[in-house]
C-alpha atoms as a PDB file:
ATOM      1  CA  MET A   1     -56.023 -24.795 -32.998  1.00  0.00           C
ATOM      2  CA  GLY A   2     -53.332 -22.317 -34.096  1.00  0.00           C
ATOM      3  CA  ARG A   3     -53.077 -21.015 -37.580  1.00  0.00           C
ATOM      4  CA  PRO A   4     -50.226 -22.511 -39.737  1.00  0.00           C
ATOM      5  CA  VAL A   5     -47.330 -20.075 -40.592  1.00  0.00           C
ATOM      6  CA  ARG A   6     -45.450 -20.133 -43.832  1.00  0.00           C
ATOM      7  CA  ILE A   7     -41.679 -20.819 -43.830  1.00  0.00           C
ATOM      8  CA  LEU A   8     -40.489 -18.370 -46.443  1.00  0.00           C
ATOM      9  CA  GLY A   9     -36.766 -19.099 -46.210  1.00  0.00           C
ATOM     10  CA  THR A  10     -34.149 -21.238 -44.413  1.00  0.00           C
ATOM     11  CA  GLY A  11     -30.541 -20.777 -43.452  1.00  0.00           C
ATOM     12  CA  ALA A  12     -28.350 -23.608 -42.225  1.00  0.00           C
ATOM     13  CA  ILE A  13     -24.644 -23.254 -41.338  1.00  0.00           C
ATOM     14  CA  VAL A  14     -22.671 -26.352 -39.934  1.00  0.00           C
ATOM     15  CA  LEU A  15     -19.101 -26.297 -39.294  1.00  0.00           C
ATOM     16  CA  ARG A  16     -17.120 -29.096 -37.774  1.00  0.00           C
ATOM     17  CA  SER A  17     -13.525 -29.477 -36.587  1.00  0.00           C
ATOM     18  CA  GLY A  18     -11.273 -30.111 -39.398  1.00  0.00           C
ATOM     19  CA  LEU A  19     -13.751 -29.069 -41.956  1.00  0.00           C
ATOM     20  CA  PRO A  20     -14.510 -25.818 -43.796  1.00  0.00           C
ATOM     21  CA  GLY A  21     -14.559 -23.700 -40.576  1.00  0.00           C
ATOM     22  CA  LYS A  22     -11.030 -22.176 -41.070  1.00  0.00           C
ATOM     23  CA  THR A  23     -10.775 -22.249 -44.714  1.00  0.00           C
ATOM     24  CA  ALA A  24     -10.474 -19.249 -47.140  1.00  0.00           C
ATOM     25  CA  ALA A  25     -13.921 -20.018 -48.496  1.00  0.00           C
ATOM     26  CA  TRP A  26     -15.554 -19.519 -45.106  1.00  0.00           C
ATOM     27  CA  SER A  27     -13.724 -16.322 -44.553  1.00  0.00           C
ATOM     28  CA  ALA A  28     -14.896 -15.062 -47.927  1.00  0.00           C
ATOM     29  CA  ARG A  29     -18.417 -15.790 -47.032  1.00  0.00           C
ATOM     30  CA  VAL A  30     -18.253 -13.782 -43.932  1.00  0.00           C
ATOM     31  CA  ALA A  31     -16.420 -10.992 -45.648  1.00  0.00           C
ATOM     32  CA  GLU A  32     -19.012 -10.983 -48.434  1.00  0.00           C
ATOM     33  CA  ALA A  33     -21.852 -10.690 -45.877  1.00  0.00           C
ATOM     34  CA  THR A  34     -20.272  -7.936 -43.831  1.00  0.00           C
ATOM     35  CA  GLU A  35     -19.234  -5.999 -46.853  1.00  0.00           C
ATOM     36  CA  GLN A  36     -22.714  -6.122 -48.401  1.00  0.00           C
ATOM     37  CA  LEU A  37     -24.312  -5.054 -44.987  1.00  0.00           C
ATOM     38  CA  GLY A  38     -21.662  -2.274 -44.807  1.00  0.00           C
ATOM     39  CA  ARG A  39     -22.894  -0.886 -48.089  1.00  0.00           C
ATOM     40  CA  GLY A  40     -26.279  -0.372 -46.408  1.00  0.00           C
ATOM     41  CA  GLY A  41     -24.618   1.494 -43.554  1.00  0.00           C
ATOM     42  CA  LYS A  42     -24.577  -1.310 -40.959  1.00  0.00           C
ATOM     43  CA  ARG A  43     -20.792  -1.871 -40.284  1.00  0.00           C
ATOM     44  CA  ILE A  44     -20.345  -4.545 -37.773  1.00  0.00           C
ATOM     45  CA  ARG A  45     -17.282  -6.242 -36.343  1.00  0.00           C
ATOM     46  CA  LEU A  46     -17.489  -9.977 -35.716  1.00  0.00           C
ATOM     47  CA  ILE A  47     -15.130 -11.455 -33.181  1.00  0.00           C
ATOM     48  CA  HIS A  48     -16.514 -14.887 -32.466  1.00  0.00           C
ATOM     49  CA  ARG A  49     -17.559 -17.796 -34.592  1.00  0.00           C
ATOM     50  CA  ILE A  50     -20.965 -18.039 -33.094  1.00  0.00           C
ATOM     51  CA  GLU A  51     -21.667 -14.532 -34.382  1.00  0.00           C
ATOM     52  CA  GLU A  52     -20.580 -15.452 -37.818  1.00  0.00           C
ATOM     53  CA  VAL A  53     -22.703 -18.545 -38.172  1.00  0.00           C
ATOM     54  CA  ALA A  54     -25.667 -16.847 -36.691  1.00  0.00           C
ATOM     55  CA  LEU A  55     -25.456 -13.939 -38.976  1.00  0.00           C
ATOM     56  CA  LEU A  56     -24.806 -15.921 -42.099  1.00  0.00           C
ATOM     57  CA  ALA A  57     -27.721 -18.344 -41.266  1.00  0.00           C
ATOM     58  CA  ALA A  58     -30.182 -15.437 -40.859  1.00  0.00           C
ATOM     59  CA  TRP A  59     -28.736 -13.600 -43.854  1.00  0.00           C
ATOM     60  CA  ASP A  60     -29.193 -16.882 -46.117  1.00  0.00           C
ATOM     61  CA  ALA A  61     -32.771 -17.252 -44.733  1.00  0.00           C
ATOM     62  CA  LEU A  62     -33.768 -13.585 -45.441  1.00  0.00           C
ATOM     63  CA  ARG A  63     -32.207 -13.729 -49.026  1.00  0.00           C
ATOM     64  CA  GLU A  64     -34.191 -16.912 -49.813  1.00  0.00           C
ATOM     65  CA  SER A  65     -37.383 -15.343 -48.525  1.00  0.00           C
ATOM     66  CA  ARG A  66     -36.809 -12.240 -50.772  1.00  0.00           C
ATOM     67  CA  ILE A  67     -37.041  -9.855 -47.872  1.00  0.00           C
ATOM     68  CA  VAL A  68     -34.731  -6.865 -48.533  1.00  0.00           C
ATOM     69  CA  ILE A  69     -31.521  -6.720 -46.498  1.00  0.00           C
ATOM     70  CA  PRO A  70     -31.052  -4.467 -44.738  1.00  0.00           C
ATOM     71  CA  SER A  71     -34.693  -3.694 -44.094  1.00  0.00           C
ATOM     72  CA  THR A  72     -36.123  -0.673 -45.878  1.00  0.00           C
ATOM     73  CA  GLY A  73     -37.917   0.191 -42.651  1.00  0.00           C
ATOM     74  CA  HIS A  74     -41.317  -0.836 -44.009  1.00  0.00           C
ATOM     75  CA  GLU A  75     -40.656  -4.467 -43.160  1.00  0.00           C
ATOM     76  CA  TRP A  76     -41.330  -5.197 -39.541  1.00  0.00           C
ATOM     77  CA  VAL A  77     -39.134  -8.239 -39.128  1.00  0.00           C
ATOM     78  CA  GLY A  78     -38.358  -9.618 -35.616  1.00  0.00           C
ATOM     79  CA  ILE A  79     -36.111 -12.332 -34.407  1.00  0.00           C
ATOM     80  CA  ALA A  80     -36.217 -15.106 -31.846  1.00  0.00           C
ATOM     81  CA  LEU A  81     -32.812 -16.867 -31.355  1.00  0.00           C
ATOM     82  CA  GLY A  82     -31.946 -19.755 -29.041  1.00  0.00           C
ATOM     83  CA  ILE A  83     -28.413 -19.561 -27.817  1.00  0.00           C
ATOM     84  CA  ASP A  84     -26.929 -21.174 -24.774  1.00  0.00           C
ATOM     85  CA  GLU A  85     -23.704 -23.369 -24.845  1.00  0.00           C
ATOM     86  CA  GLY A  86     -22.075 -20.804 -27.300  1.00  0.00           C
ATOM     87  CA  ILE A  87     -22.355 -18.136 -24.551  1.00  0.00           C
ATOM     88  CA  ASP A  88     -21.171 -20.652 -22.010  1.00  0.00           C
ATOM     89  CA  GLY A  89     -18.049 -21.227 -24.082  1.00  0.00           C
ATOM     90  CA  ILE A  90     -17.332 -17.421 -24.242  1.00  0.00           C
ATOM     91  CA  LYS A  91     -17.811 -17.065 -20.560  1.00  0.00           C
ATOM     92  CA  ALA A  92     -15.532 -20.050 -19.849  1.00  0.00           C
ATOM     93  CA  ARG A  93     -12.766 -18.584 -22.104  1.00  0.00           C
ATOM     94  CA  HIS A  94     -13.246 -15.174 -20.434  1.00  0.00           C
ATOM     95  CA  CYS A  95     -12.922 -16.622 -16.933  1.00  0.00           C
ATOM     96  CA  VAL A  96      -9.707 -18.605 -17.949  1.00  0.00           C
ATOM     97  CA  ALA A  97      -8.243 -15.500 -19.318  1.00  0.00           C
ATOM     98  CA  VAL A  98      -9.054 -13.383 -16.101  1.00  0.00           C
ATOM     99  CA  GLN A  99      -7.643 -16.296 -14.064  1.00  0.00           C
ATOM    100  CA  SER A 100      -4.423 -16.384 -15.983  1.00  0.00           C
ATOM    101  CA  ASP A 101      -3.716 -12.693 -16.629  1.00  0.00           C
ATOM    102  CA  GLY A 102      -5.913 -10.847 -14.046  1.00  0.00           C
ATOM    103  CA  PRO A 103      -8.141  -7.798 -15.095  1.00  0.00           C
ATOM    104  CA  LEU A 104      -5.919  -7.270 -18.128  1.00  0.00           C
ATOM    105  CA  GLY A 105      -7.010 -10.657 -19.492  1.00  0.00           C
ATOM    106  CA  ALA A 106     -10.581  -9.369 -19.646  1.00  0.00           C
ATOM    107  CA  SER A 107     -10.826  -8.180 -23.310  1.00  0.00           C
ATOM    108  CA  PRO A 108     -13.272  -5.254 -23.723  1.00  0.00           C
ATOM    109  CA  LEU A 109     -14.288  -6.762 -27.058  1.00  0.00           C
ATOM    110  CA  VAL A 110     -15.104 -10.225 -25.666  1.00  0.00           C
ATOM    111  CA  PHE A 111     -16.826  -9.061 -22.389  1.00  0.00           C
ATOM    112  CA  PRO A 112     -20.067  -7.893 -23.921  1.00  0.00           C
ATOM    113  CA  PHE A 113     -20.617 -11.430 -25.380  1.00  0.00           C
ATOM    114  CA  THR A 114     -20.791 -13.010 -21.915  1.00  0.00           C
ATOM    115  CA  THR A 115     -24.312 -11.595 -21.803  1.00  0.00           C
ATOM    116  CA  GLN A 116     -26.999 -13.858 -23.262  1.00  0.00           C
ATOM    117  CA  ASN A 117     -28.627 -11.437 -25.732  1.00  0.00           C
ATOM    118  CA  ALA A 118     -25.379 -10.141 -27.398  1.00  0.00           C
ATOM    119  CA  VAL A 119     -25.387 -12.417 -30.439  1.00  0.00           C
ATOM    120  CA  THR A 120     -29.143 -11.869 -31.139  1.00  0.00           C
ATOM    121  CA  ALA A 121     -28.490  -8.049 -30.917  1.00  0.00           C
ATOM    122  CA  GLN A 122     -25.564  -8.253 -33.335  1.00  0.00           C
ATOM    123  CA  VAL A 123     -27.663 -10.002 -35.810  1.00  0.00           C
ATOM    124  CA  SER A 124     -30.571  -7.701 -35.301  1.00  0.00           C
ATOM    125  CA  ILE A 125     -28.390  -4.665 -35.815  1.00  0.00           C
ATOM    126  CA  GLY A 126     -26.514  -6.058 -38.702  1.00  0.00           C
ATOM    127  CA  LEU A 127     -29.634  -6.930 -40.655  1.00  0.00           C
ATOM    128  CA  ASP A 128     -31.423  -3.826 -39.568  1.00  0.00           C
ATOM    129  CA  LEU A 129     -34.358  -5.731 -38.097  1.00  0.00           C
ATOM    130  CA  ARG A 130     -37.093  -3.375 -36.710  1.00  0.00           C
ATOM    131  CA  GLY A 131     -39.461  -5.956 -34.976  1.00  0.00           C
ATOM    132  CA  GLU A 132     -39.433  -7.719 -31.688  1.00  0.00           C
ATOM    133  CA  MET A 133     -36.227  -9.398 -30.392  1.00  0.00           C
ATOM    134  CA  PHE A 134     -36.087 -12.466 -28.140  1.00  0.00           C
ATOM    135  CA  THR A 135     -33.122 -14.433 -26.878  1.00  0.00           C
ATOM    136  CA  LEU A 136     -33.872 -17.818 -25.429  1.00  0.00           C
ATOM    137  CA  CYS A 137     -31.314 -19.526 -23.157  1.00  0.00           C
ATOM    138  CA  GLY A 138     -32.662 -22.847 -21.743  1.00  0.00           C
ATOM    139  CA  GLY A 139     -30.193 -25.441 -22.629  1.00  0.00           C
ATOM    140  CA  PRO A 140     -30.091 -27.612 -25.844  1.00  0.00           C
ATOM    141  CA  LEU A 141     -33.738 -26.973 -26.635  1.00  0.00           C
ATOM    142  CA  SER A 142     -33.222 -23.184 -26.811  1.00  0.00           C
ATOM    143  CA  GLY A 143     -33.592 -23.207 -30.601  1.00  0.00           C
ATOM    144  CA  ALA A 144     -36.846 -25.055 -30.358  1.00  0.00           C
ATOM    145  CA  ALA A 145     -38.167 -22.665 -27.741  1.00  0.00           C
ATOM    146  CA  ALA A 146     -37.216 -19.892 -30.237  1.00  0.00           C
ATOM    147  CA  LEU A 147     -39.488 -21.412 -32.857  1.00  0.00           C
ATOM    148  CA  GLY A 148     -42.311 -21.568 -30.484  1.00  0.00           C
ATOM    149  CA  VAL A 149     -41.976 -17.813 -29.483  1.00  0.00           C
ATOM    150  CA  ALA A 150     -41.714 -16.837 -33.159  1.00  0.00           C
ATOM    151  CA  LEU A 151     -44.696 -18.961 -34.235  1.00  0.00           C
ATOM    152  CA  ASN A 152     -46.768 -17.161 -31.507  1.00  0.00           C
ATOM    153  CA  ALA A 153     -45.523 -13.798 -32.531  1.00  0.00           C
ATOM    154  CA  VAL A 154     -46.482 -14.354 -36.093  1.00  0.00           C
ATOM    155  CA  ARG A 155     -49.993 -15.685 -35.152  1.00  0.00           C
ATOM    156  CA  ARG A 156     -50.424 -12.824 -32.845  1.00  0.00           C
ATOM    157  CA  GLY A 157     -49.726 -10.335 -35.726  1.00  0.00           C
ATOM    158  CA  GLY A 158     -47.951  -7.014 -35.713  1.00  0.00           C
ATOM    159  CA  VAL A 159     -44.888  -8.319 -37.560  1.00  0.00           C
ATOM    160  CA  THR A 160     -44.130  -8.834 -41.260  1.00  0.00           C
ATOM    161  CA  ALA A 161     -42.083 -11.924 -40.388  1.00  0.00           C
ATOM    162  CA  MET A 162     -39.943 -13.474 -37.734  1.00  0.00           C
ATOM    163  CA  LEU A 163     -36.525 -14.911 -37.917  1.00  0.00           C
ATOM    164  CA  ALA A 164     -36.323 -17.941 -35.620  1.00  0.00           C
ATOM    165  CA  GLY A 165     -33.786 -20.570 -34.799  1.00  0.00           C
ATOM    166  CA  GLY A 166     -30.691 -21.234 -32.828  1.00  0.00           C
ATOM    167  CA  ALA A 167     -26.961 -21.073 -32.897  1.00  0.00           C
ATOM    168  CA  THR A 168     -24.193 -22.857 -31.090  1.00  0.00           C
ATOM    169  CA  SER A 169     -20.419 -22.963 -30.769  1.00  0.00           C
ATOM    170  CA  VAL A 170     -18.970 -25.958 -28.923  1.00  0.00           C
ATOM    171  CA  GLU A 171     -15.289 -25.025 -28.467  1.00  0.00           C
ATOM    172  CA  LYS A 172     -12.429 -26.605 -26.708  1.00  0.00           C
ATOM    173  CA  VAL A 173     -12.707 -24.541 -23.529  1.00  0.00           C
ATOM    174  CA  PHE A 174     -16.413 -25.559 -23.348  1.00  0.00           C
ATOM    175  CA  LEU A 175     -15.732 -29.161 -23.709  1.00  0.00           C
ATOM    176  CA  GLU A 176     -12.880 -28.956 -21.109  1.00  0.00           C
ATOM    177  CA  ALA A 177     -15.207 -27.109 -18.641  1.00  0.00           C
ATOM    178  CA  LEU A 178     -17.874 -29.855 -19.000  1.00  0.00           C
ATOM    179  CA  ALA A 179     -15.193 -32.609 -18.483  1.00  0.00           C
ATOM    180  CA  ALA A 180     -14.090 -30.811 -15.257  1.00  0.00           C
ATOM    181  CA  ALA A 181     -17.681 -30.745 -14.098  1.00  0.00           C
ATOM    182  CA  GLY A 182     -17.947 -34.502 -14.742  1.00  0.00           C
ATOM    183  CA  VAL A 183     -20.271 -34.148 -17.739  1.00  0.00           C
ATOM    184  CA  ARG A 184     -19.564 -36.447 -20.628  1.00  0.00           C
ATOM    185  CA  GLU A 185     -20.450 -34.459 -23.724  1.00  0.00           C
ATOM    186  CA  GLY A 186     -18.508 -36.244 -26.389  1.00  0.00           C
ATOM    187  CA  GLY A 187     -17.695 -35.081 -29.798  1.00  0.00           C
ATOM    188  CA  ALA A 188     -15.317 -32.577 -31.282  1.00  0.00           C
ATOM    189  CA  GLU A 189     -15.434 -28.722 -31.740  1.00  0.00           C
ATOM    190  CA  ARG A 190     -18.296 -27.687 -33.862  1.00  0.00           C
ATOM    191  CA  ASP A 191     -20.344 -24.698 -34.748  1.00  0.00           C
ATOM    192  CA  GLY A 192     -23.780 -24.322 -36.241  1.00  0.00           C
ATOM    193  CA  ALA A 193     -26.857 -22.211 -36.806  1.00  0.00           C
ATOM    194  CA  GLY A 194     -30.282 -22.954 -38.229  1.00  0.00           C
ATOM    195  CA  VAL A 195     -32.679 -19.940 -38.916  1.00  0.00           C
ATOM    196  CA  LEU A 196     -36.105 -19.909 -40.532  1.00  0.00           C
ATOM    197  CA  VAL A 197     -38.118 -17.015 -41.720  1.00  0.00           C
ATOM    198  CA  LEU A 198     -41.633 -17.493 -40.579  1.00  0.00           C
ATOM    199  CA  ALA A 199     -44.585 -15.357 -42.002  1.00  0.00           C
ATOM    200  CA  PRO A 200     -48.384 -15.313 -41.969  1.00  0.00           C
ATOM    201  CA  GLU A 201     -49.917 -18.223 -43.824  1.00  0.00           C
ATOM    202  CA  ASP A 202     -51.151 -16.046 -46.742  1.00  0.00           C
ATOM    203  CA  GLU A 203     -47.934 -14.100 -47.045  1.00  0.00           C
ATOM    204  CA  GLY A 204     -46.256 -14.884 -50.420  1.00  0.00           C
ATOM    205  CA  ARG A 205     -43.165 -13.669 -52.275  1.00  0.00           C
ATOM    206  CA  GLY A 206     -44.234 -14.654 -55.828  1.00  0.00           C
ATOM    207  CA  PRO A 207     -43.278 -17.680 -57.951  1.00  0.00           C
ATOM    208  CA  GLU A 208     -39.923 -17.991 -55.905  1.00  0.00           C
ATOM    209  CA  ALA A 209     -41.851 -19.021 -52.797  1.00  0.00           C
ATOM    210  CA  VAL A 210     -43.592 -22.021 -54.491  1.00  0.00           C
ATOM    211  CA  ARG A 211     -41.629 -24.605 -52.631  1.00  0.00           C
ATOM    212  CA  THR A 212     -42.043 -23.008 -49.152  1.00  0.00           C
ATOM    213  CA  ALA A 213     -43.321 -25.216 -46.277  1.00  0.00           C
ATOM    214  CA  PHE A 214     -45.517 -24.620 -43.448  1.00  0.00           C
ATOM    215  CA  LEU A 215     -45.025 -24.980 -39.626  1.00  0.00           C
ATOM    216  CA  ILE A 216     -48.523 -26.068 -38.489  1.00  0.00           C
ATOM    217  CA  GLY A 217     -48.000 -26.953 -34.895  1.00  0.00           C
ATOM    218  CA  TYR A 218     -45.697 -26.694 -31.908  1.00  0.00           C
ATOM    219  CA  GLY A 219     -45.607 -27.980 -28.277  1.00  0.00           C
ATOM    220  CA  ASP A 220     -43.180 -28.221 -25.433  1.00  0.00           C
ATOM    221  CA  ALA A 221     -43.296 -29.807 -21.986  1.00  0.00           C
ATOM    222  CA  PHE A 222     -41.086 -30.538 -18.987  1.00  0.00           C
ATOM    223  CA  GLY A 223     -40.862 -33.282 -16.393  1.00  0.00           C
ATOM    224  CA  GLU A 224     -41.955 -37.006 -16.554  1.00  0.00           C
ATOM    225  CA  ARG A 225     -43.048 -38.178 -19.964  1.00  0.00           C
ATOM    226  CA  ALA A 226     -42.132 -34.713 -21.329  1.00  0.00           C
ATOM    227  CA  VAL A 227     -41.723 -35.999 -24.817  1.00  0.00           C
ATOM    228  CA  ALA A 228     -45.255 -37.579 -24.975  1.00  0.00           C
ATOM    229  CA  TYR A 229     -46.837 -34.502 -23.649  1.00  0.00           C
ATOM    230  CA  ALA A 230     -44.958 -32.168 -26.092  1.00  0.00           C
ATOM    231  CA  VAL A 231     -46.015 -34.303 -28.858  1.00  0.00           C
ATOM    232  CA  GLU A 232     -49.643 -34.338 -27.738  1.00  0.00           C
ATOM    233  CA  ALA A 233     -49.603 -30.593 -27.349  1.00  0.00           C
ATOM    234  CA  CYS A 234     -47.990 -30.142 -30.871  1.00  0.00           C
ATOM    235  CA  LEU A 235     -50.595 -32.412 -32.504  1.00  0.00           C
ATOM    236  CA  ASP A 236     -53.355 -30.665 -30.708  1.00  0.00           C
ATOM    237  CA  ASP A 237     -52.184 -27.313 -31.726  1.00  0.00           C
ATOM    238  CA  ALA A 238     -52.036 -28.559 -35.415  1.00  0.00           C
ATOM    239  CA  ARG A 239     -55.221 -30.612 -35.106  1.00  0.00           C
ATOM    240  CA  VAL A 240     -53.567 -33.604 -36.503  1.00  0.00           C
ATOM    241  CA  SER A 241     -53.757 -37.255 -35.313  1.00  0.00           C
ATOM    242  CA  PRO A 242     -50.673 -39.468 -34.920  1.00  0.00           C
ATOM    243  CA  ARG A 243     -51.840 -41.716 -37.910  1.00  0.00           C
ATOM    244  CA  GLU A 244     -51.630 -38.723 -40.172  1.00  0.00           C
ATOM    245  CA  ILE A 245     -47.914 -38.243 -39.487  1.00  0.00           C
ATOM    246  CA  GLY A 246     -45.678 -39.351 -42.371  1.00  0.00           C
ATOM    247  CA  LEU A 247     -42.337 -39.337 -40.564  1.00  0.00           C
ATOM    248  CA  VAL A 248     -40.769 -38.518 -37.301  1.00  0.00           C
ATOM    249  CA  TRP A 249     -37.183 -36.849 -37.042  1.00  0.00           C
ATOM    250  CA  GLN A 250     -35.313 -37.073 -33.844  1.00  0.00           C
ATOM    251  CA  ALA A 251     -33.519 -33.737 -33.261  1.00  0.00           C
ATOM    252  CA  SER A 252     -31.511 -34.869 -30.183  1.00  0.00           C
ATOM    253  CA  PRO A 253     -29.100 -37.704 -29.376  1.00  0.00           C
ATOM    254  CA  ASP A 254     -31.361 -39.422 -26.868  1.00  0.00           C
ATOM    255  CA  LEU A 255     -35.130 -39.752 -27.309  1.00  0.00           C
ATOM    256  CA  PRO A 256     -37.345 -41.634 -24.776  1.00  0.00           C
ATOM    257  CA  SER A 257     -39.502 -44.403 -26.113  1.00  0.00           C
ATOM    258  CA  ASP A 258     -42.866 -42.805 -24.984  1.00  0.00           C
ATOM    259  CA  VAL A 259     -43.220 -40.601 -28.094  1.00  0.00           C
ATOM    260  CA  PHE A 260     -46.844 -41.169 -28.254  1.00  0.00           C
ATOM    261  CA  PRO A 261     -49.473 -42.170 -25.668  1.00  0.00           C
ATOM    262  CA  PRO A 262     -49.577 -45.948 -24.978  1.00  0.00           C
ATOM    263  CA  ASP A 263     -52.955 -46.368 -26.865  1.00  0.00           C
ATOM    264  CA  LEU A 264     -51.419 -44.892 -29.975  1.00  0.00           C
ATOM    265  CA  THR A 265     -48.131 -46.761 -30.145  1.00  0.00           C
ATOM    266  CA  ALA A 266     -49.218 -48.744 -33.285  1.00  0.00           C
ATOM    267  CA  ASP A 267     -49.437 -45.460 -35.162  1.00  0.00           C
ATOM    268  CA  ILE A 268     -45.796 -44.380 -34.635  1.00  0.00           C
ATOM    269  CA  PRO A 269     -44.061 -44.055 -37.981  1.00  0.00           C
ATOM    270  CA  ALA A 270     -40.339 -44.629 -38.449  1.00  0.00           C
ATOM    271  CA  ILE A 271     -38.191 -42.506 -36.182  1.00  0.00           C
ATOM    272  CA  MET A 272     -35.100 -41.075 -38.117  1.00  0.00           C
ATOM    273  CA  GLN A 273     -32.057 -39.589 -36.466  1.00  0.00           C
ATOM    274  CA  SER A 274     -31.265 -36.071 -37.599  1.00  0.00           C
ATOM    275  CA  PRO A 275     -27.696 -35.538 -38.763  1.00  0.00           C
ATOM    276  CA  HIS A 276     -27.653 -32.261 -36.761  1.00  0.00           C
ATOM    277  CA  ALA A 277     -28.653 -33.920 -33.368  1.00  0.00           C
ATOM    278  CA  ASP A 278     -25.271 -33.106 -31.754  1.00  0.00           C
ATOM    279  CA  LEU A 279     -25.555 -29.191 -32.474  1.00  0.00           C
ATOM    280  CA  HIS A 280     -27.378 -28.385 -29.210  1.00  0.00           C
ATOM    281  CA  SER A 281     -29.312 -25.054 -29.524  1.00  0.00           C
ATOM    282  CA  ALA A 282     -29.071 -25.240 -33.322  1.00  0.00           C
ATOM    283  CA  SER A 283     -30.121 -28.970 -33.563  1.00  0.00           C
ATOM    284  CA  PHE A 284     -33.939 -28.514 -33.552  1.00  0.00           C
ATOM    285  CA  PRO A 285     -34.185 -25.588 -36.029  1.00  0.00           C
ATOM    286  CA  LEU A 286     -31.560 -27.121 -38.376  1.00  0.00           C
ATOM    287  CA  THR A 287     -33.729 -30.254 -38.421  1.00  0.00           C
ATOM    288  CA  VAL A 288     -36.948 -28.276 -39.104  1.00  0.00           C
ATOM    289  CA  ALA A 289     -35.119 -26.425 -41.835  1.00  0.00           C
ATOM    290  CA  ALA A 290     -33.897 -29.662 -43.484  1.00  0.00           C
ATOM    291  CA  VAL A 291     -37.688 -30.706 -43.461  1.00  0.00           C
ATOM    292  CA  ALA A 292     -38.746 -27.629 -44.881  1.00  0.00           C
ATOM    293  CA  ARG A 293     -36.251 -27.915 -47.785  1.00  0.00           C
ATOM    294  CA  GLY A 294     -37.455 -31.397 -48.436  1.00  0.00           C
ATOM    295  CA  GLU A 295     -34.194 -33.113 -47.288  1.00  0.00           C
ATOM    296  CA  ALA A 296     -36.228 -35.015 -44.697  1.00  0.00           C
ATOM    297  CA  ALA A 297     -39.591 -35.366 -46.446  1.00  0.00           C
ATOM    298  CA  ALA A 298     -42.329 -38.138 -45.938  1.00  0.00           C
ATOM    299  CA  ARG A 299     -43.952 -39.974 -48.682  1.00  0.00           C
ATOM    300  CA  GLN A 300     -47.169 -38.567 -47.406  1.00  0.00           C
ATOM    301  CA  GLY A 301     -48.335 -36.612 -44.390  1.00  0.00           C
ATOM    302  CA  PRO A 302     -46.583 -33.900 -42.309  1.00  0.00           C
ATOM    303  CA  VAL A 303     -43.205 -34.546 -40.626  1.00  0.00           C
ATOM    304  CA  LEU A 304     -42.896 -34.486 -36.813  1.00  0.00           C
ATOM    305  CA  VAL A 305     -39.647 -33.158 -35.374  1.00  0.00           C
ATOM    306  CA  VAL A 306     -39.078 -34.084 -31.728  1.00  0.00           C
ATOM    307  CA  GLY A 307     -36.266 -33.135 -29.402  1.00  0.00           C
ATOM    308  CA  ALA A 308     -35.359 -33.695 -25.750  1.00  0.00           C
ATOM    309  CA  ASP A 309     -32.702 -32.891 -23.321  1.00  0.00           C
ATOM    310  CA  CYS A 310     -31.089 -34.300 -20.201  1.00  0.00           C
ATOM    311  CA  MET A 311     -32.782 -31.772 -17.926  1.00  0.00           C
ATOM    312  CA  GLY A 312     -36.316 -33.065 -18.673  1.00  0.00           C
ATOM    313  CA  ALA A 313     -37.499 -30.731 -21.348  1.00  0.00           C
ATOM    314  CA  ALA A 314     -38.948 -31.743 -24.669  1.00  0.00           C
ATOM    315  CA  ALA A 315     -40.314 -30.074 -27.728  1.00  0.00           C
ATOM    316  CA  ALA A 316     -42.070 -31.053 -30.921  1.00  0.00           C
ATOM    317  CA  ALA A 317     -42.927 -29.220 -34.173  1.00  0.00           C
ATOM    318  CA  LEU A 318     -45.028 -30.292 -37.063  1.00  0.00           C
ATOM    319  CA  VAL A 319     -44.059 -29.322 -40.566  1.00  0.00           C
ATOM    320  CA  ARG A 320     -45.817 -30.007 -43.844  1.00  0.00           C
ATOM    321  CA  GLY A 321     -44.844 -29.248 -47.493  1.00  0.00           C
ATOM    322  CA  ALA A 322     -46.343 -26.573 -49.571  1.00  0.00           C
ATOM    323  CA  SER A 323     -49.688 -27.407 -51.133  1.00  0.00           C
END
């Protein structure tokens, strides 16, 4: 059994095509964050939407957690970020530019972001994080994998807290590339990021932290019946039986029916569809963040968040409200 970890803060950013993504209000939020970070000596230049949503989600989560931004140097805060299709979109745009304009089309500003860890590094540098840094790139469940890595890091010790979550940017060039490859992705352009601040169970931030929740279990699996195995691993990690679960939230568009082992199917509570299920790497952490904020709470018992992808991977996390 692993120890529960406290969720000190959450940050959730969702921008959809035709909505606030290109308004003055959004630009003002980005300017406010970069200006405040600049006062602390961390001047960063953001050139892509995925950087903006990732940085602002992390910034919001840290502010809610009452952790000083930028770090004073006494806070050993790390980060684990799941980021996949957003980087694929940057690569696709980069390739199109080179194909159209030759070497001159390869912008020296964009090229560094064709590497997987560039966005995590930008967030880490901008927020002056001094702890471990992880970038997870394993498809739509990258954000879930980041939560698992951060959970283990906090349990292992050596960090004050871990930022954990995922960010995505589904842009036109990415959708066109998928269509050319024969993949039916569906949906319009969208961006999103979900980041949580995880800390040891006994870590508190005074009266402001009263409504924090706890991440009490995590599990993942791959292959046949991956969802059932991920759920079993998660419940075993938390030492919770299926009949104790108050609600299940589905953090991906398609979830197989074998959520629990056959002998426990009678104990399956209602399965609700997360409104963030189409946000790929950000879907899972955004759903966990919604549960932690009480937006997806159960009448009683912890809430199980489950996700799966078309490649045969699955992940599950168990969240309970503050006691």
